[in-house]
Amino acid sequence: MKKHLITIGVCFALAACASQPKQTEEQKSSAQANQQMQSVTGNPQDSAPAWVFLPKSDKGLASSACVDWSGNMAVDRPQAVAAARADMAQQISIKASVLDKLYNRKLQAEGKSDVGSTFEQVTKQVSSETLEGSTPEEISLAQIDGKKYLCALVVKEDTRETFDTLVDESNRQLDPQSKAALYEEFRTQKAMKELEKELESL
């Protein structure tokens, strides 16, 4: 009888575990981000979605930004989206600088020169076109360092189109292998600091 009761108890315990909803990767990332943020700010009430600190999307380029929460969604939402788009434009500019460094290093190694525009010179037009096609994917309130913010995540799908426009407008002559390598560099989702560090090391 005792052995039977133990078996029933184990079954109930397993059933209870099975009924617990599994955390998604996004929820785990947000929980980890909140723990890290709280350890920095010292405020246990602080919380924010993981994409606020690490914007990324399988669809293409992604950027996030936050603005002070005024209590008026109609005012704060467009400001947050505009700030995220401005961050994306800066991100494209830095990516273009990295591409220029990589491309010029390749030319030097081959003993060649190029008279086309640099990738960085055409980023303003490309960024403008890219931002027009970007869409808000997430909007969320966040508490950071005891202050409330409204945050936005914007995404530009089809990274290839943005890259191809950058190459076409610069009139750079790229062989297929070089173009493929530069595209991989461009599409990689890296934090701004990582890209800046990579640019400094080239």
Protein backbone atom coordinates (compact mmCIF):
# COMPACT_ATOMS: atom_id res chain seq x y z
CA MET A 1 0.00 0.00 0.00
CA LYS A 2 2.83 2.35 0.95
CA LYS A 3 4.65 1.64 -2.31
CA HIS A 4 1.42 2.32 -4.21
CA LEU A 5 0.99 5.72 -2.52
CA ILE A 6 4.58 6.68 -3.36
CA THR A 7 3.95 5.76 -7.00
CA ILE A 8 0.83 7.93 -7.07
CA GLY A 9 2.77 10.80 -5.49
CA VAL A 10 5.50 10.57 -8.12
CA CYS A 11 2.87 10.52 -10.89
CA PHE A 12 1.23 13.67 -9.51
CA ALA A 13 4.61 15.40 -9.27
CA LEU A 14 5.45 14.51 -12.88
CA ALA A 15 2.01 15.64 -14.02
CA ALA A 16 2.44 18.97 -12.23
CA CYS A 17 5.82 19.51 -13.91
CA ALA A 18 4.37 18.62 -17.30
CA SER A 19 1.55 21.12 -16.84
CA GLN A 20 3.99 23.99 -16.21
CA PRO A 21 4.17 26.16 -19.36
CA LYS A 22 7.63 26.14 -20.93
CA GLN A 23 9.39 29.46 -21.26
CA THR A 24 10.03 30.58 -24.79
CA GLU A 25 13.52 31.71 -25.81
CA GLU A 26 12.23 35.28 -25.89
CA GLN A 27 10.92 35.01 -22.32
CA LYS A 28 14.21 33.52 -21.14
CA SER A 29 16.16 36.30 -22.87
CA SER A 30 13.93 38.96 -21.31
CA ALA A 31 14.31 37.40 -17.87
CA GLN A 32 18.11 37.33 -18.23
CA ALA A 33 18.14 40.91 -19.52
CA ASN A 34 16.03 42.06 -16.58
CA GLN A 35 18.33 40.31 -14.09
CA GLN A 36 21.38 41.97 -15.64
CA MET A 37 19.67 45.36 -15.71
CA GLN A 38 18.53 45.07 -12.09
CA SER A 39 22.06 44.17 -11.01
CA VAL A 40 23.30 47.37 -12.68
CA THR A 41 20.52 49.75 -11.61
CA GLY A 42 19.94 48.14 -8.22
CA ASN A 43 16.19 48.51 -8.70
CA PRO A 44 14.25 45.21 -8.49
CA GLN A 45 11.26 46.88 -10.18
CA ASP A 46 13.17 47.53 -13.41
CA SER A 47 12.12 45.46 -16.43
CA ALA A 48 12.25 45.64 -20.21
CA PRO A 49 11.92 43.26 -23.18
CA ALA A 50 15.20 41.69 -24.33
CA TRP A 51 14.94 43.41 -27.74
CA VAL A 52 15.38 46.81 -26.06
CA PHE A 53 19.02 45.94 -25.36
CA LEU A 54 19.64 43.51 -28.21
CA PRO A 55 17.44 44.32 -31.21
CA LYS A 56 17.44 41.54 -33.78
CA SER A 57 15.14 39.99 -36.34
CA ASP A 58 15.31 37.01 -38.68
CA LYS A 59 13.60 39.20 -41.28
CA GLY A 60 16.39 41.74 -41.70
CA LEU A 61 17.84 44.83 -40.04
CA ALA A 62 16.51 45.73 -36.59
CA SER A 63 16.92 48.72 -34.27
CA SER A 64 15.36 49.79 -31.01
CA ALA A 65 15.07 53.00 -29.01
CA CYS A 66 13.23 54.32 -25.96
CA VAL A 67 11.76 57.70 -25.05
CA ASP A 68 10.54 59.06 -21.72
CA TRP A 69 6.98 57.95 -21.05
CA SER A 70 4.71 61.00 -20.81
CA GLY A 71 1.52 59.02 -20.41
CA ASN A 72 0.38 59.99 -23.90
CA MET A 73 0.75 57.06 -26.31
CA ALA A 74 -0.23 59.19 -29.32
CA VAL A 75 2.78 61.44 -28.69
CA ASP A 76 5.35 58.99 -27.35
CA ARG A 77 4.82 56.18 -29.86
CA PRO A 78 5.85 58.12 -33.01
CA GLN A 79 8.82 59.58 -31.10
CA ALA A 80 10.03 56.11 -30.08
CA VAL A 81 9.62 54.79 -33.64
CA ALA A 82 11.46 57.82 -35.07
CA ALA A 83 14.31 57.34 -32.59
CA ALA A 84 14.58 53.65 -33.51
CA ARG A 85 14.69 54.55 -37.21
CA ALA A 86 17.41 57.14 -36.56
CA ASP A 87 19.39 54.41 -34.79
CA MET A 88 18.95 52.16 -37.83
CA ALA A 89 20.29 54.90 -40.11
CA GLN A 90 23.37 55.21 -37.88
CA GLN A 91 23.74 51.44 -37.91
CA ILE A 92 23.72 51.38 -41.74
CA SER A 93 26.31 54.16 -41.83
CA ILE A 94 28.66 52.23 -39.55
CA LYS A 95 28.12 49.04 -41.55
CA ALA A 96 28.99 50.97 -44.72
CA SER A 97 32.21 52.22 -43.10
CA VAL A 98 33.16 48.65 -42.28
CA LEU A 99 32.42 47.60 -45.89
CA ASP A 100 34.63 50.41 -47.21
CA LYS A 101 37.53 49.31 -45.02
CA LEU A 102 37.16 45.66 -46.05
CA TYR A 103 36.81 46.56 -49.74
CA ASN A 104 39.79 48.91 -49.76
CA ARG A 105 41.94 46.36 -47.97
CA LYS A 106 41.03 43.80 -50.64
CA LEU A 107 41.95 46.24 -53.45
CA GLN A 108 45.31 46.99 -51.85
CA ALA A 109 46.07 43.29 -51.53
CA GLU A 110 45.34 42.85 -55.26
CA GLY A 111 47.22 46.00 -56.28
CA LYS A 112 44.10 47.58 -57.74
CA SER A 113 42.34 50.95 -57.42
CA ASP A 114 38.73 52.04 -57.75
CA VAL A 115 37.16 55.33 -58.83
CA GLY A 116 33.63 54.60 -57.60
CA SER A 117 31.96 56.35 -54.70
CA THR A 118 32.53 54.87 -51.27
CA PHE A 119 29.75 52.91 -49.62
CA GLU A 120 29.67 55.51 -46.87
CA GLN A 121 29.12 58.36 -49.36
CA VAL A 122 25.84 56.88 -50.57
CA THR A 123 24.46 55.84 -47.17
CA LYS A 124 22.30 58.94 -46.79
CA GLN A 125 20.17 58.04 -49.81
CA VAL A 126 20.19 54.33 -49.01
CA SER A 127 19.28 54.99 -45.36
CA SER A 128 16.38 57.17 -46.47
CA GLU A 129 15.01 54.42 -48.71
CA THR A 130 15.60 51.80 -46.01
CA LEU A 131 13.83 53.78 -43.30
CA GLU A 132 10.82 54.31 -45.55
CA GLY A 133 10.47 50.54 -45.78
CA SER A 134 11.03 49.87 -42.08
CA THR A 135 8.05 48.99 -39.89
CA PRO A 136 7.46 49.02 -36.12
CA GLU A 137 7.43 45.41 -34.94
CA GLU A 138 7.24 45.83 -31.15
CA ILE A 139 6.07 48.62 -28.83
CA SER A 140 6.45 48.17 -25.08
CA LEU A 141 6.65 50.07 -21.83
CA ALA A 142 9.85 49.54 -19.86
CA GLN A 143 11.14 50.58 -16.47
CA ILE A 144 14.85 51.38 -16.45
CA ASP A 145 16.70 52.82 -13.47
CA GLY A 146 13.37 53.59 -11.84
CA LYS A 147 12.06 55.58 -14.82
CA LYS A 148 9.31 54.58 -17.22
CA TYR A 149 9.97 54.57 -20.95
CA LEU A 150 8.13 53.67 -24.13
CA CYS A 151 10.33 51.56 -26.39
CA ALA A 152 9.99 50.62 -30.06
CA LEU A 153 11.59 47.95 -32.25
CA VAL A 154 11.66 48.66 -35.98
CA VAL A 155 12.57 46.11 -38.63
CA LYS A 156 13.54 46.47 -42.29
CA GLU A 157 12.86 43.28 -44.19
CA ASP A 158 14.93 42.15 -47.17
CA THR A 159 18.45 43.12 -46.10
CA ARG A 160 19.68 42.02 -49.52
CA GLU A 161 17.77 44.83 -51.23
CA THR A 162 19.41 47.42 -48.98
CA PHE A 163 22.86 45.98 -49.60
CA ASP A 164 22.39 45.78 -53.37
CA THR A 165 21.26 49.41 -53.46
CA LEU A 166 24.36 50.38 -51.49
CA VAL A 167 26.59 48.59 -54.01
CA ASP A 168 24.73 49.87 -57.09
CA GLU A 169 24.73 53.51 -55.94
CA SER A 170 28.46 53.37 -55.14
CA ASN A 171 29.28 51.92 -58.59
CA ARG A 172 31.75 49.57 -56.93
CA GLN A 173 32.83 46.68 -59.15
CA LEU A 174 32.54 43.48 -57.14
CA ASP A 175 33.13 39.93 -58.24
CA PRO A 176 30.46 37.45 -57.01
CA GLN A 177 32.68 35.99 -54.28
CA SER A 178 33.61 39.40 -52.85
CA LYS A 179 30.02 40.57 -53.03
CA ALA A 180 28.83 37.49 -51.15
CA ALA A 181 31.47 38.01 -48.44
CA LEU A 182 30.63 41.69 -48.01
CA TYR A 183 26.91 40.89 -47.87
CA GLU A 184 27.49 38.44 -45.02
CA GLU A 185 29.34 41.19 -43.17
CA PHE A 186 26.51 43.63 -43.82
CA ARG A 187 23.65 41.34 -42.78
CA THR A 188 25.27 40.17 -39.55
CA GLN A 189 23.30 41.43 -36.58
CA LYS A 190 25.94 43.04 -34.40
CA ALA A 191 25.65 45.56 -31.63
CA MET A 192 26.78 49.08 -32.48
CA LYS A 193 29.78 48.86 -30.15
CA GLU A 194 30.92 45.64 -31.82
CA LEU A 195 30.76 47.24 -35.26
CA GLU A 196 32.61 50.35 -34.07
CA LYS A 197 35.31 48.16 -32.51
CA GLU A 198 35.60 46.15 -35.73
CA LEU A 199 35.92 49.38 -37.72
CA GLU A 200 38.72 50.64 -35.42
CA SER A 201 40.65 47.37 -35.76
CA LEU A 202 40.66 47.37 -39.59
